[in-house]
Protein backbone atom coordinates (compact mmCIF):
# COMPACT_ATOMS: atom_id res chain seq x y z
CA MET A 1 40.53 44.30 126.07
CA ASP A 2 39.57 47.95 125.12
CA LYS A 3 38.64 48.11 121.55
CA ALA A 4 41.23 51.04 121.05
CA MET A 5 43.75 48.51 121.86
CA VAL A 6 42.99 46.09 118.84
CA ILE A 7 44.81 46.52 115.83
CA THR A 8 42.72 45.83 112.88
CA GLY A 9 42.49 46.43 109.01
CA LYS A 10 40.90 50.12 109.96
CA THR A 11 43.30 50.98 112.25
CA LYS A 12 45.46 54.06 111.09
CA LEU A 13 49.27 54.36 111.41
CA LEU A 14 51.35 57.07 112.76
CA GLY A 15 55.20 56.66 113.45
CA VAL A 16 58.65 58.11 113.91
CA ILE A 17 61.48 57.56 111.64
CA GLY A 18 65.36 58.04 112.28
CA ASP A 19 68.51 56.09 112.35
CA PRO A 20 68.78 54.84 114.74
CA VAL A 21 65.45 54.59 116.10
CA VAL A 22 65.55 51.62 118.21
CA HIS A 23 65.85 53.61 121.49
CA SER A 24 62.99 55.67 120.76
CA LEU A 25 60.31 56.14 123.45
CA SER A 26 57.84 58.19 121.31
CA PRO A 27 55.69 54.81 120.94
CA VAL A 28 55.49 54.50 124.52
CA MET A 29 54.11 57.78 125.00
CA HIS A 30 51.85 58.15 121.96
CA ASN A 31 50.26 54.62 122.13
CA ALA A 32 49.38 55.45 125.59
CA ALA A 33 47.90 58.73 124.71
CA LEU A 34 45.92 57.07 121.73
CA GLU A 35 44.54 54.40 124.15
CA ALA A 36 43.27 57.13 126.64
CA LEU A 37 41.74 58.91 123.57
CA GLY A 38 39.90 55.99 122.34
CA VAL A 39 40.67 56.46 118.89
CA ASP A 40 41.73 53.73 116.40
CA TYR A 41 45.51 54.69 115.65
CA VAL A 42 48.74 52.82 116.54
CA TYR A 43 52.26 54.46 116.52
CA VAL A 44 55.46 52.82 115.41
CA ALA A 45 59.20 53.35 115.36
CA LEU A 46 60.29 52.88 111.78
CA PRO A 47 64.08 52.73 110.97
CA VAL A 48 64.88 54.47 107.87
CA LYS A 49 68.68 55.38 106.74
CA THR A 50 69.92 58.59 105.17
CA GLY A 51 69.81 57.32 101.52
CA ASP A 52 66.46 55.64 101.91
CA LEU A 53 64.27 58.65 103.02
CA ALA A 54 62.83 59.66 99.59
CA ARG A 55 61.59 56.01 99.08
CA ALA A 56 60.42 55.96 102.46
CA ILE A 57 58.13 58.74 102.04
CA ALA A 58 57.01 57.46 98.71
CA GLY A 59 55.92 54.01 100.58
CA PHE A 60 54.36 55.81 103.50
CA THR A 61 52.10 57.73 100.85
CA ALA A 62 51.21 54.49 99.15
CA ILE A 63 50.27 52.62 102.39
CA GLY A 64 48.47 55.34 103.81
CA LEU A 65 50.37 56.61 106.78
CA GLN A 66 48.61 59.37 108.65
CA GLY A 67 51.60 61.29 110.02
CA PHE A 68 55.06 60.85 111.64
CA ASN A 69 57.92 62.36 113.49
CA LEU A 70 61.42 62.62 112.54
CA THR A 71 64.64 62.36 114.57
CA ILE A 72 68.33 62.22 113.60
CA PRO A 73 69.37 62.48 110.65
CA HIS A 74 66.20 63.49 108.78
CA LYS A 75 65.09 66.67 110.32
CA GLN A 76 66.51 68.90 107.51
CA ALA A 77 66.81 66.34 104.78
CA ILE A 78 63.09 66.12 104.63
CA LEU A 79 62.46 69.70 103.73
CA PRO A 80 62.64 69.38 99.80
CA LEU A 81 60.16 66.25 99.94
CA LEU A 82 57.58 68.01 101.61
CA THR A 83 54.72 70.14 99.71
CA ASP A 84 54.17 72.55 102.36
CA ILE A 85 56.28 73.71 105.65
CA THR A 86 55.02 76.23 108.32
CA ALA A 87 56.54 79.68 109.19
CA GLU A 88 58.14 78.30 112.18
CA ALA A 89 59.82 75.29 110.61
CA GLN A 90 60.86 77.38 107.72
CA ALA A 91 62.58 79.87 110.42
CA VAL A 92 64.30 76.93 112.17
CA GLY A 93 65.35 75.41 108.87
CA ALA A 94 64.17 71.79 110.35
CA VAL A 95 61.19 69.70 110.73
CA ASN A 96 60.11 66.96 113.06
CA THR A 97 56.62 66.41 112.70
CA VAL A 98 54.98 65.57 109.23
CA TRP A 99 51.17 65.04 108.56
CA ARG A 100 49.42 64.05 105.45
CA THR A 101 47.07 66.43 103.52
CA ASP A 102 45.41 66.21 99.80
CA GLN A 103 48.34 68.31 98.28
CA GLY A 104 51.06 65.78 99.81
CA TRP A 105 53.06 66.27 103.17
CA SER A 106 53.13 69.06 105.31
CA GLY A 107 55.56 69.58 108.01
CA THR A 108 56.16 71.88 111.13
CA ASN A 109 58.54 72.04 114.25
CA THR A 110 57.50 71.19 117.75
CA ASP A 111 60.65 70.88 119.10
CA VAL A 112 61.15 74.64 119.86
CA ALA A 113 58.12 74.72 122.21
CA GLY A 114 59.07 71.31 123.67
CA PHE A 115 62.71 72.63 124.35
CA ILE A 116 61.74 75.89 126.30
CA ALA A 117 59.01 74.27 128.22
CA PRO A 118 61.24 72.93 131.14
CA LEU A 119 63.62 75.96 130.88
CA GLN A 120 60.77 78.76 131.55
CA ALA A 121 60.05 77.05 134.89
CA LEU A 122 63.57 77.66 135.99
CA GLN A 123 64.53 81.24 135.56
CA ASP A 124 64.40 84.43 133.47
CA TRP A 125 66.96 83.63 130.71
CA ARG A 126 67.20 87.14 129.32
CA GLN A 127 70.88 88.42 128.30
CA ARG A 128 72.09 84.92 129.51
CA THR A 129 74.96 82.95 127.56
CA VAL A 130 74.00 79.29 125.97
CA VAL A 131 76.55 76.78 124.63
CA VAL A 132 75.05 74.54 122.17
CA LEU A 133 76.95 71.46 121.33
CA GLY A 134 76.48 70.17 117.78
CA ASN A 135 75.03 72.08 114.80
CA GLY A 136 72.49 69.65 113.37
CA GLY A 137 68.49 69.71 113.16
CA ALA A 138 68.09 69.64 117.19
CA ALA A 139 70.60 72.36 117.45
CA ARG A 140 68.25 74.47 115.03
CA ALA A 141 65.39 74.17 117.40
CA VAL A 142 67.51 74.91 120.33
CA VAL A 143 68.91 78.02 119.09
CA ALA A 144 65.40 79.11 118.03
CA GLY A 145 64.03 78.56 121.43
CA CYS A 146 67.00 80.24 122.84
CA GLY A 147 66.22 83.24 120.87
CA GLN A 148 62.68 83.08 121.84
CA LEU A 149 63.80 83.10 125.67
CA GLY A 150 66.00 86.12 125.18
CA PHE A 151 69.47 85.04 125.32
CA GLY A 152 71.91 87.58 124.94
CA GLN A 153 74.62 85.24 123.47
CA ILE A 154 74.27 81.81 121.60
CA TYR A 155 77.64 80.02 121.09
CA VAL A 156 76.98 76.86 118.83
CA VAL A 157 80.12 74.73 118.73
CA GLY A 158 80.92 71.87 116.29
CA ARG A 159 84.02 69.86 114.92
CA ASN A 160 83.36 70.44 111.18
CA SER A 161 84.26 74.13 110.19
CA GLN A 162 82.47 73.70 106.99
CA LYS A 163 79.32 72.73 108.75
CA LEU A 164 79.56 75.42 111.35
CA ALA A 165 79.79 78.02 108.60
CA ALA A 166 76.88 76.75 107.03
CA PHE A 167 74.80 76.84 110.11
CA GLN A 168 75.88 80.50 110.75
CA THR A 169 75.05 81.66 107.33
CA SER A 170 71.48 79.88 107.07
CA TRP A 171 70.53 82.12 109.93
CA VAL A 172 71.13 85.15 107.92
CA ASP A 173 67.71 85.59 106.35
CA SER A 174 65.75 84.05 109.06
CA PRO A 175 63.00 86.34 110.78
CA LEU A 176 64.16 84.89 114.28
CA LYS A 177 67.49 86.60 113.95
CA PRO A 178 69.33 84.92 116.93
CA PRO A 179 72.36 86.47 118.79
CA LEU A 180 74.34 83.63 117.26
CA ILE A 181 78.17 82.80 116.98
CA VAL A 182 79.37 79.68 115.77
CA GLN A 183 82.56 78.36 117.36
CA PRO A 184 85.06 75.33 116.79
CA TRP A 185 84.98 72.55 119.41
CA GLU A 186 88.45 73.77 120.69
CA ALA A 187 86.96 76.94 121.73
CA LEU A 188 85.12 75.22 124.57
CA PRO A 189 87.74 75.80 127.53
CA THR A 190 86.96 79.43 126.61
CA LEU A 191 82.91 79.26 126.27
CA LEU A 192 82.25 77.12 128.94
CA PRO A 193 83.08 79.47 132.04
CA GLU A 194 80.69 81.88 130.39
CA ALA A 195 77.94 79.66 130.03
CA ASP A 196 74.65 79.97 132.09
CA LEU A 197 73.51 76.76 130.18
CA ILE A 198 74.97 74.04 128.35
CA VAL A 199 73.02 72.13 125.59
CA ASN A 200 73.93 68.77 124.14
CA THR A 201 72.10 68.35 120.89
CA THR A 202 74.68 65.38 119.51
CA PRO A 203 73.98 61.95 119.92
CA VAL A 204 76.82 61.17 122.03
CA GLY A 205 75.72 59.24 124.87
CA MET A 206 72.35 58.06 123.53
CA HIS A 207 71.38 54.30 123.49
CA THR A 208 74.11 53.01 121.10
CA THR A 209 77.13 55.15 122.69
CA ALA A 210 75.68 55.29 126.40
CA ASP A 211 79.31 54.82 127.85
CA GLN A 212 80.26 58.12 126.16
CA THR A 213 79.95 61.91 126.81
CA PRO A 214 80.62 65.00 124.52
CA LEU A 215 82.12 66.86 127.73
CA ASP A 216 84.01 65.22 130.76
CA ALA A 217 84.50 65.99 134.01
CA ILE A 218 87.47 68.24 133.20
CA ALA A 219 85.70 70.19 130.85
CA LEU A 220 82.34 70.26 133.12
CA ALA A 221 84.44 71.77 136.03
CA LEU A 222 85.23 75.00 133.78
CA ALA A 223 81.40 75.76 133.82
CA PRO A 224 80.20 78.23 136.56
CA SER A 225 78.52 76.43 139.75
CA SER A 226 75.37 78.08 138.63
CA ALA A 227 75.28 76.72 135.24
CA VAL A 228 72.58 74.43 133.88
CA VAL A 229 73.18 71.43 131.73
CA TYR A 230 70.49 70.08 129.47
CA ASP A 231 70.91 66.97 127.53
CA LEU A 232 68.23 66.64 124.67
CA ILE A 233 69.12 62.76 124.98
CA TYR A 234 66.31 60.99 127.00
CA THR A 235 67.57 57.57 127.23
CA PRO A 236 69.76 56.36 128.97
CA ARG A 237 68.47 58.16 131.98
CA PRO A 238 70.72 59.82 132.99
CA THR A 239 73.19 60.12 130.49
CA GLN A 240 76.86 60.07 131.22
CA LEU A 241 76.89 63.79 130.61
CA LEU A 242 74.24 64.35 133.54
CA THR A 243 75.79 62.03 135.77
CA LEU A 244 78.87 64.07 135.52
CA ALA A 245 77.07 67.33 135.65
CA ALA A 246 75.35 66.28 138.71
CA GLN A 247 78.46 65.22 140.68
CA ARG A 248 79.53 68.76 140.04
CA GLY A 249 76.69 69.89 141.57
CA LEU A 250 75.19 71.71 138.49
CA VAL A 251 71.43 71.72 137.85
CA THR A 252 70.62 69.13 135.27
CA LEU A 253 67.69 68.46 132.40
CA ASP A 254 67.23 65.60 130.48
CA GLY A 255 65.24 65.37 127.04
CA LEU A 256 62.09 63.62 128.37
CA GLU A 257 59.78 66.80 128.79
CA MET A 258 60.96 67.98 125.61
CA LEU A 259 59.89 64.76 124.15
CA VAL A 260 56.51 64.99 126.05
CA GLN A 261 55.64 68.36 124.97
CA GLN A 262 56.70 68.23 121.54
CA GLY A 263 55.07 65.00 121.05
CA ALA A 264 51.86 66.33 122.49
CA ALA A 265 51.70 69.30 119.76
CA ALA A 266 52.45 66.75 117.30
CA LEU A 267 49.40 64.44 118.20
CA GLU A 268 47.23 67.33 118.49
CA LEU A 269 48.24 68.33 114.97
CA TRP A 270 47.56 64.70 113.58
CA LEU A 271 44.06 64.08 115.56
CA GLN A 272 42.88 67.63 115.66
CA GLN A 273 41.92 67.48 119.30
CA PRO A 274 43.97 67.85 122.79
CA ALA A 275 46.34 65.50 123.68
CA PRO A 276 46.61 64.02 127.35
CA VAL A 277 49.86 65.49 128.24
CA ASP A 278 49.80 63.97 131.75
CA THR A 279 49.23 60.44 130.54
CA MET A 280 52.04 60.71 128.02
CA ARG A 281 54.33 62.03 130.84
CA VAL A 282 53.33 59.13 133.44
CA ALA A 283 53.93 56.63 130.60
CA LEU A 284 57.18 57.43 130.03
CA ASP A 285 58.12 57.80 133.57
CA THR A 286 56.62 54.30 134.09
CA TRP A 287 58.53 52.80 131.34
CA LEU A 288 61.83 54.43 132.44
CA ALA A 289 61.47 53.50 136.19
CA PRO A 290 64.00 51.14 137.61
CA THR A 291 62.64 47.41 138.19
CA SER A 292 63.65 45.79 141.69
């Protein structure tokens, strides 16, 4: 066995926190990368409930954890617990990657680069229209990414009017100035026919709700035949949303490449060396490949 595969008292710890986090494939790709690099680290999934976040961060400090990723529901709640936040994370208003410093914990957002990577390979998105389902931390990275890609109209749709209003207001002082309009969920029949891109940032359809979808076949039938449907969920693969979109003949993207690209950026921050992106992608593809 390779020495890098042996966990000892000297092995340094990295991880991902969330609730739920049992579905996370981050340990698969990160441990493959750590083995390929031959460094004495291990990456684990750490379930942390919303009310336990501050205690968890204090515990990470005590045990010497080197860095961690965040998923639902912690990407915004972590902000007041950090001693330093990068300009990009401040602009987005959400953090997905944290690392230890002498002064405390620092945070950034690598989701934006991860989100736009597969879109850039498809077409020019300038002056296009996107409909974003959900208004949490992941939606913030999507809005920022769509702003970078030059979308002319960014609609963010949610079910809670107060949270939607707060989401809109939170971008007022952002240097990104995205062309953002929030809309209630009931507006989807009007918005979907305009959509060049539909992005699901909600948890509906992930591991614990795999039989559900944020948009049914009737709703997807309203979208143009040229629309792209992008589900940030990467397990199960495909989600119900992407299955229905494919049946409609729409181009589909899942969250796997976003996961790879944001993970590679995070690993480079933690280790201060280039990440083996291809190794990370292959590890995930292999893990998710159906078994006979």
